[in-house]
Amino acid sequence: MKVEIFTHRNCTECHIVLDFLKEKGLLDKVDVIDTEKYPFMAFERGVISTPSIFVNGELIFAGQGDL
């Protein structure tokens, strides 16, 4: 199973998710992708809000964007 999490440094929810994964010892089992460093990757995947969590290439959760 491949898990990818798209994050942004100003995203409070991202920090909560990453802290939770670290606490559970799971952080090294996911790919964390910084949308500031890899904006085109995020764009290609359709990421418009963070955190966006993909499992096996399928979006399963997208954080709430500014409306």
PDB file of N, CA and C in Angstrom:
ATOM      1  N   MET A   1       0.850  -1.170   0.000  1.00  0.00           N
ATOM      2  CA  MET A   1       0.000   0.000   0.000  1.00  0.00           C
ATOM      3  C   MET A   1       0.900   1.238   0.000  1.00  0.00           C
ATOM      4  N   LYS A   2       0.624   2.162  -0.909  1.00  0.00           N
ATOM      5  CA  LYS A   2       1.385   3.398  -0.991  1.00  0.00           C
ATOM      6  C   LYS A   2       0.516   4.549  -0.501  1.00  0.00           C
ATOM      7  N   VAL A   3       1.030   5.280   0.482  1.00  0.00           N
ATOM      8  CA  VAL A   3       0.303   6.414   1.048  1.00  0.00           C
ATOM      9  C   VAL A   3       1.133   7.677   0.818  1.00  0.00           C
ATOM     10  N   GLU A   4       0.479   8.682   0.241  1.00  0.00           N
ATOM     11  CA  GLU A   4       1.122   9.970  -0.001  1.00  0.00           C
ATOM     12  C   GLU A   4       0.291  11.060   0.663  1.00  0.00           C
ATOM     13  N   ILE A   5       0.986  11.987   1.321  1.00  0.00           N
ATOM     14  CA  ILE A   5       0.307  13.100   1.966  1.00  0.00           C
ATOM     15  C   ILE A   5       0.912  14.395   1.437  1.00  0.00           C
ATOM     16  N   PHE A   6       0.079  15.201   0.796  1.00  0.00           N
ATOM     17  CA  PHE A   6       0.515  16.500   0.306  1.00  0.00           C
ATOM     18  C   PHE A   6       0.278  17.518   1.412  1.00  0.00           C
ATOM     19  N   THR A   7       1.330  18.259   1.742  1.00  0.00           N
ATOM     20  CA  THR A   7       1.271  19.188   2.864  1.00  0.00           C
ATOM     21  C   THR A   7       1.727  20.585   2.439  1.00  0.00           C
ATOM     22  N   HIS A   8       1.523  21.527   3.342  1.00  0.00           N
ATOM     23  CA  HIS A   8       2.009  22.898   3.188  1.00  0.00           C
ATOM     24  C   HIS A   8       2.426  23.374   4.563  1.00  0.00           C
ATOM     25  N   ARG A   9       3.480  24.154   4.627  1.00  0.00           N
ATOM     26  CA  ARG A   9       4.022  24.564   5.933  1.00  0.00           C
ATOM     27  C   ARG A   9       3.057  25.384   6.775  1.00  0.00           C
ATOM     28  N   ASN A  10       2.126  26.097   6.158  1.00  0.00           N
ATOM     29  CA  ASN A  10       1.162  26.910   6.902  1.00  0.00           C
ATOM     30  C   ASN A  10      -0.131  26.175   7.218  1.00  0.00           C
ATOM     31  N   CYS A  11      -0.180  24.896   6.938  1.00  0.00           N
ATOM     32  CA  CYS A  11      -1.393  24.103   7.131  1.00  0.00           C
ATOM     33  C   CYS A  11      -1.407  23.494   8.535  1.00  0.00           C
ATOM     34  N   THR A  12      -2.294  23.988   9.374  1.00  0.00           N
ATOM     35  CA  THR A  12      -2.415  23.488  10.743  1.00  0.00           C
ATOM     36  C   THR A  12      -2.823  22.019  10.762  1.00  0.00           C
ATOM     37  N   GLU A  13      -3.780  21.662   9.917  1.00  0.00           N
ATOM     38  CA  GLU A  13      -4.244  20.270   9.868  1.00  0.00           C
ATOM     39  C   GLU A  13      -3.124  19.324   9.427  1.00  0.00           C
ATOM     40  N   CYS A  14      -2.249  19.813   8.553  1.00  0.00           N
ATOM     41  CA  CYS A  14      -1.110  18.988   8.116  1.00  0.00           C
ATOM     42  C   CYS A  14      -0.222  18.639   9.304  1.00  0.00           C
ATOM     43  N   HIS A  15       0.056  19.630  10.131  1.00  0.00           N
ATOM     44  CA  HIS A  15       0.900  19.391  11.301  1.00  0.00           C
ATOM     45  C   HIS A  15       0.244  18.405  12.258  1.00  0.00           C
ATOM     46  N   ILE A  16      -1.064  18.475  12.398  1.00  0.00           N
ATOM     47  CA  ILE A  16      -1.777  17.538  13.268  1.00  0.00           C
ATOM     48  C   ILE A  16      -1.651  16.116  12.736  1.00  0.00           C
ATOM     49  N   VAL A  17      -1.860  15.949  11.424  1.00  0.00           N
ATOM     50  CA  VAL A  17      -1.758  14.620  10.809  1.00  0.00           C
ATOM     51  C   VAL A  17      -0.340  14.076  10.941  1.00  0.00           C
ATOM     52  N   LEU A  18       0.659  14.906  10.647  1.00  0.00           N
ATOM     53  CA  LEU A  18       2.048  14.449  10.717  1.00  0.00           C
ATOM     54  C   LEU A  18       2.467  14.123  12.148  1.00  0.00           C
ATOM     55  N   ASP A  19       2.024  14.931  13.117  1.00  0.00           N
ATOM     56  CA  ASP A  19       2.326  14.641  14.525  1.00  0.00           C
ATOM     57  C   ASP A  19       1.688  13.321  14.956  1.00  0.00           C
ATOM     58  N   PHE A  20       0.462  13.078  14.517  1.00  0.00           N
ATOM     59  CA  PHE A  20      -0.227  11.830  14.844  1.00  0.00           C
ATOM     60  C   PHE A  20       0.537  10.636  14.276  1.00  0.00           C
ATOM     61  N   LEU A  21       0.934  10.725  13.005  1.00  0.00           N
ATOM     62  CA  LEU A  21       1.670   9.627  12.381  1.00  0.00           C
ATOM     63  C   LEU A  21       3.010   9.394  13.072  1.00  0.00           C
ATOM     64  N   LYS A  22       3.687  10.477  13.456  1.00  0.00           N
ATOM     65  CA  LYS A  22       4.961  10.353  14.164  1.00  0.00           C
ATOM     66  C   LYS A  22       4.758   9.675  15.513  1.00  0.00           C
ATOM     67  N   GLU A  23       3.718  10.092  16.233  1.00  0.00           N
ATOM     68  CA  GLU A  23       3.407   9.519  17.545  1.00  0.00           C
ATOM     69  C   GLU A  23       3.137   8.013  17.454  1.00  0.00           C
ATOM     70  N   LYS A  24       2.487   7.591  16.377  1.00  0.00           N
ATOM     71  CA  LYS A  24       2.147   6.177  16.177  1.00  0.00           C
ATOM     72  C   LYS A  24       3.261   5.385  15.497  1.00  0.00           C
ATOM     73  N   GLY A  25       4.371   6.075  15.154  1.00  0.00           N
ATOM     74  CA  GLY A  25       5.488   5.391  14.515  1.00  0.00           C
ATOM     75  C   GLY A  25       5.243   5.053  13.053  1.00  0.00           C
ATOM     76  N   LEU A  26       4.376   5.803  12.412  1.00  0.00           N
ATOM     77  CA  LEU A  26       4.000   5.508  11.029  1.00  0.00           C
ATOM     78  C   LEU A  26       4.521   6.526  10.018  1.00  0.00           C
ATOM     79  N   LEU A  27       5.163   7.570  10.483  1.00  0.00           N
ATOM     80  CA  LEU A  27       5.582   8.644   9.590  1.00  0.00           C
ATOM     81  C   LEU A  27       6.546   8.160   8.509  1.00  0.00           C
ATOM     82  N   ASP A  28       7.391   7.186   8.845  1.00  0.00           N
ATOM     83  CA  ASP A  28       8.355   6.681   7.860  1.00  0.00           C
ATOM     84  C   ASP A  28       7.714   5.745   6.838  1.00  0.00           C
ATOM     85  N   LYS A  29       6.442   5.439   7.012  1.00  0.00           N
ATOM     86  CA  LYS A  29       5.742   4.535   6.090  1.00  0.00           C
ATOM     87  C   LYS A  29       4.929   5.283   5.035  1.00  0.00           C
ATOM     88  N   VAL A  30       4.945   6.613   5.082  1.00  0.00           N
ATOM     89  CA  VAL A  30       4.204   7.418   4.110  1.00  0.00           C
ATOM     90  C   VAL A  30       5.168   8.358   3.387  1.00  0.00           C
ATOM     91  N   ASP A  31       4.775   8.781   2.187  1.00  0.00           N
ATOM     92  CA  ASP A  31       5.529   9.787   1.450  1.00  0.00           C
ATOM     93  C   ASP A  31       4.888  11.136   1.728  1.00  0.00           C
ATOM     94  N   VAL A  32       5.665  12.041   2.309  1.00  0.00           N
ATOM     95  CA  VAL A  32       5.178  13.384   2.596  1.00  0.00           C
ATOM     96  C   VAL A  32       5.699  14.298   1.489  1.00  0.00           C
ATOM     97  N   ILE A  33       4.778  14.954   0.798  1.00  0.00           N
ATOM     98  CA  ILE A  33       5.131  15.785  -0.341  1.00  0.00           C
ATOM     99  C   ILE A  33       4.774  17.232  -0.035  1.00  0.00           C
ATOM    100  N   ASP A  34       5.778  18.080  -0.005  1.00  0.00           N
ATOM    101  CA  ASP A  34       5.609  19.502   0.276  1.00  0.00           C
ATOM    102  C   ASP A  34       5.148  20.204  -0.999  1.00  0.00           C
ATOM    103  N   THR A  35       3.961  20.797  -0.956  1.00  0.00           N
ATOM    104  CA  THR A  35       3.409  21.436  -2.151  1.00  0.00           C
ATOM    105  C   THR A  35       4.188  22.684  -2.562  1.00  0.00           C
ATOM    106  N   GLU A  36       4.962  23.253  -1.648  1.00  0.00           N
ATOM    107  CA  GLU A  36       5.805  24.405  -2.020  1.00  0.00           C
ATOM    108  C   GLU A  36       7.023  23.951  -2.819  1.00  0.00           C
ATOM    109  N   LYS A  37       7.559  22.800  -2.474  1.00  0.00           N
ATOM    110  CA  LYS A  37       8.731  22.272  -3.187  1.00  0.00           C
ATOM    111  C   LYS A  37       8.344  21.585  -4.485  1.00  0.00           C
ATOM    112  N   TYR A  38       7.163  20.986  -4.516  1.00  0.00           N
ATOM    113  CA  TYR A  38       6.720  20.216  -5.676  1.00  0.00           C
ATOM    114  C   TYR A  38       5.330  20.669  -6.141  1.00  0.00           C
ATOM    115  N   PRO A  39       5.193  21.933  -6.524  1.00  0.00           N
ATOM    116  CA  PRO A  39       3.867  22.432  -6.912  1.00  0.00           C
ATOM    117  C   PRO A  39       3.308  21.749  -8.155  1.00  0.00           C
ATOM    118  N   PHE A  40       4.171  21.382  -9.091  1.00  0.00           N
ATOM    119  CA  PHE A  40       3.669  20.752 -10.312  1.00  0.00           C
ATOM    120  C   PHE A  40       3.152  19.341 -10.041  1.00  0.00           C
ATOM    121  N   MET A  41       3.782  18.642  -9.115  1.00  0.00           N
ATOM    122  CA  MET A  41       3.296  17.317  -8.737  1.00  0.00           C
ATOM    123  C   MET A  41       1.906  17.439  -8.114  1.00  0.00           C
ATOM    124  N   ALA A  42       1.750  18.438  -7.253  1.00  0.00           N
ATOM    125  CA  ALA A  42       0.446  18.666  -6.627  1.00  0.00           C
ATOM    126  C   ALA A  42      -0.592  19.028  -7.691  1.00  0.00           C
ATOM    127  N   PHE A  43      -0.210  19.879  -8.628  1.00  0.00           N
ATOM    128  CA  PHE A  43      -1.123  20.284  -9.692  1.00  0.00           C
ATOM    129  C   PHE A  43      -1.549  19.086 -10.545  1.00  0.00           C
ATOM    130  N   GLU A  44      -0.583  18.255 -10.905  1.00  0.00           N
ATOM    131  CA  GLU A  44      -0.878  17.068 -11.719  1.00  0.00           C
ATOM    132  C   GLU A  44      -1.849  16.124 -11.023  1.00  0.00           C
ATOM    133  N   ARG A  45      -1.777  16.055  -9.706  1.00  0.00           N
ATOM    134  CA  ARG A  45      -2.638  15.158  -8.946  1.00  0.00           C
ATOM    135  C   ARG A  45      -3.975  15.797  -8.576  1.00  0.00           C
ATOM    136  N   GLY A  46      -4.133  17.077  -8.891  1.00  0.00           N
ATOM    137  CA  GLY A  46      -5.388  17.765  -8.610  1.00  0.00           C
ATOM    138  C   GLY A  46      -5.517  18.249  -7.178  1.00  0.00           C
ATOM    139  N   VAL A  47      -4.390  18.408  -6.496  1.00  0.00           N
ATOM    140  CA  VAL A  47      -4.411  18.863  -5.103  1.00  0.00           C
ATOM    141  C   VAL A  47      -4.722  20.359  -5.080  1.00  0.00           C
ATOM    142  N   ILE A  48      -5.819  20.723  -4.417  1.00  0.00           N
ATOM    143  CA  ILE A  48      -6.175  22.132  -4.290  1.00  0.00           C
ATOM    144  C   ILE A  48      -6.262  22.556  -2.824  1.00  0.00           C
ATOM    145  N   SER A  49      -6.119  21.601  -1.913  1.00  0.00           N
ATOM    146  CA  SER A  49      -6.115  21.915  -0.485  1.00  0.00           C
ATOM    147  C   SER A  49      -5.252  20.882   0.225  1.00  0.00           C
ATOM    148  N   THR A  50      -4.790  21.276   1.407  1.00  0.00           N
ATOM    149  CA  THR A  50      -3.941  20.375   2.192  1.00  0.00           C
ATOM    150  C   THR A  50      -4.530  20.211   3.573  1.00  0.00           C
ATOM    151  N   PRO A  51      -4.289  19.086   4.210  1.00  0.00           N
ATOM    152  CA  PRO A  51      -3.591  17.932   3.662  1.00  0.00           C
ATOM    153  C   PRO A  51      -4.461  17.181   2.656  1.00  0.00           C
ATOM    154  N   SER A  52      -3.838  16.664   1.644  1.00  0.00           N
ATOM    155  CA  SER A  52      -4.508  15.761   0.708  1.00  0.00           C
ATOM    156  C   SER A  52      -3.827  14.409   0.840  1.00  0.00           C
ATOM    157  N   ILE A  53      -4.615  13.389   1.103  1.00  0.00           N
ATOM    158  CA  ILE A  53      -4.071  12.054   1.368  1.00  0.00           C
ATOM    159  C   ILE A  53      -4.509  11.109   0.258  1.00  0.00           C
ATOM    160  N   PHE A  54      -3.514  10.476  -0.365  1.00  0.00           N
ATOM    161  CA  PHE A  54      -3.754   9.516  -1.425  1.00  0.00           C
ATOM    162  C   PHE A  54      -3.326   8.134  -0.949  1.00  0.00           C
ATOM    163  N   VAL A  55      -4.132   7.129  -1.230  1.00  0.00           N
ATOM    164  CA  VAL A  55      -3.776   5.735  -0.954  1.00  0.00           C
ATOM    165  C   VAL A  55      -3.842   5.004  -2.288  1.00  0.00           C
ATOM    166  N   ASN A  56      -2.716   4.424  -2.655  1.00  0.00           N
ATOM    167  CA  ASN A  56      -2.601   3.733  -3.949  1.00  0.00           C
ATOM    168  C   ASN A  56      -3.090   4.609  -5.102  1.00  0.00           C
ATOM    169  N   GLY A  57      -2.735   5.887  -5.053  1.00  0.00           N
ATOM    170  CA  GLY A  57      -3.059   6.811  -6.128  1.00  0.00           C
ATOM    171  C   GLY A  57      -4.456   7.396  -6.103  1.00  0.00           C
ATOM    172  N   GLU A  58      -5.276   6.987  -5.139  1.00  0.00           N
ATOM    173  CA  GLU A  58      -6.654   7.470  -5.047  1.00  0.00           C
ATOM    174  C   GLU A  58      -6.789   8.463  -3.895  1.00  0.00           C
ATOM    175  N   LEU A  59      -7.357   9.622  -4.189  1.00  0.00           N
ATOM    176  CA  LEU A  59      -7.575  10.629  -3.162  1.00  0.00           C
ATOM    177  C   LEU A  59      -8.629  10.136  -2.176  1.00  0.00           C
ATOM    178  N   ILE A  60      -8.240  10.043  -0.900  1.00  0.00           N
ATOM    179  CA  ILE A  60      -9.204   9.594   0.103  1.00  0.00           C
ATOM    180  C   ILE A  60      -9.592  10.703   1.076  1.00  0.00           C
ATOM    181  N   PHE A  61      -8.771  11.761   1.126  1.00  0.00           N
ATOM    182  CA  PHE A  61      -9.100  12.893   2.004  1.00  0.00           C
ATOM    183  C   PHE A  61      -8.458  14.144   1.448  1.00  0.00           C
ATOM    184  N   ALA A  62      -9.219  15.223   1.436  1.00  0.00           N
ATOM    185  CA  ALA A  62      -8.685  16.531   1.050  1.00  0.00           C
ATOM    186  C   ALA A  62      -9.108  17.538   2.097  1.00  0.00           C
ATOM    187  N   GLY A  63      -8.127  18.276   2.605  1.00  0.00           N
ATOM    188  CA  GLY A  63      -8.426  19.293   3.602  1.00  0.00           C
ATOM    189  C   GLY A  63      -9.326  20.352   3.016  1.00  0.00           C
ATOM    190  N   GLN A  64      -9.893  21.148   3.885  1.00  0.00           N
ATOM    191  CA  GLN A  64     -10.827  22.172   3.451  1.00  0.00           C
ATOM    192  C   GLN A  64     -10.051  23.366   2.930  1.00  0.00           C
ATOM    193  N   GLY A  65     -10.367  23.794   1.734  1.00  0.00           N
ATOM    194  CA  GLY A  65      -9.718  24.953   1.132  1.00  0.00           C
ATOM    195  C   GLY A  65     -10.429  26.237   1.503  1.00  0.00           C
ATOM    196  N   ASP A  66      -9.797  27.341   1.166  1.00  0.00           N
ATOM    197  CA  ASP A  66     -10.428  28.638   1.389  1.00  0.00           C
ATOM    198  C   ASP A  66     -11.527  28.838   0.372  1.00  0.00           C
ATOM    199  N   LEU A  67     -12.705  29.175   0.830  1.00  0.00           N
ATOM    200  CA  LEU A  67     -13.835  29.389  -0.079  1.00  0.00           C
ATOM    201  C   LEU A  67     -14.223  30.849  -0.108  1.00  0.00           C
TER     202      LEU A  67
END
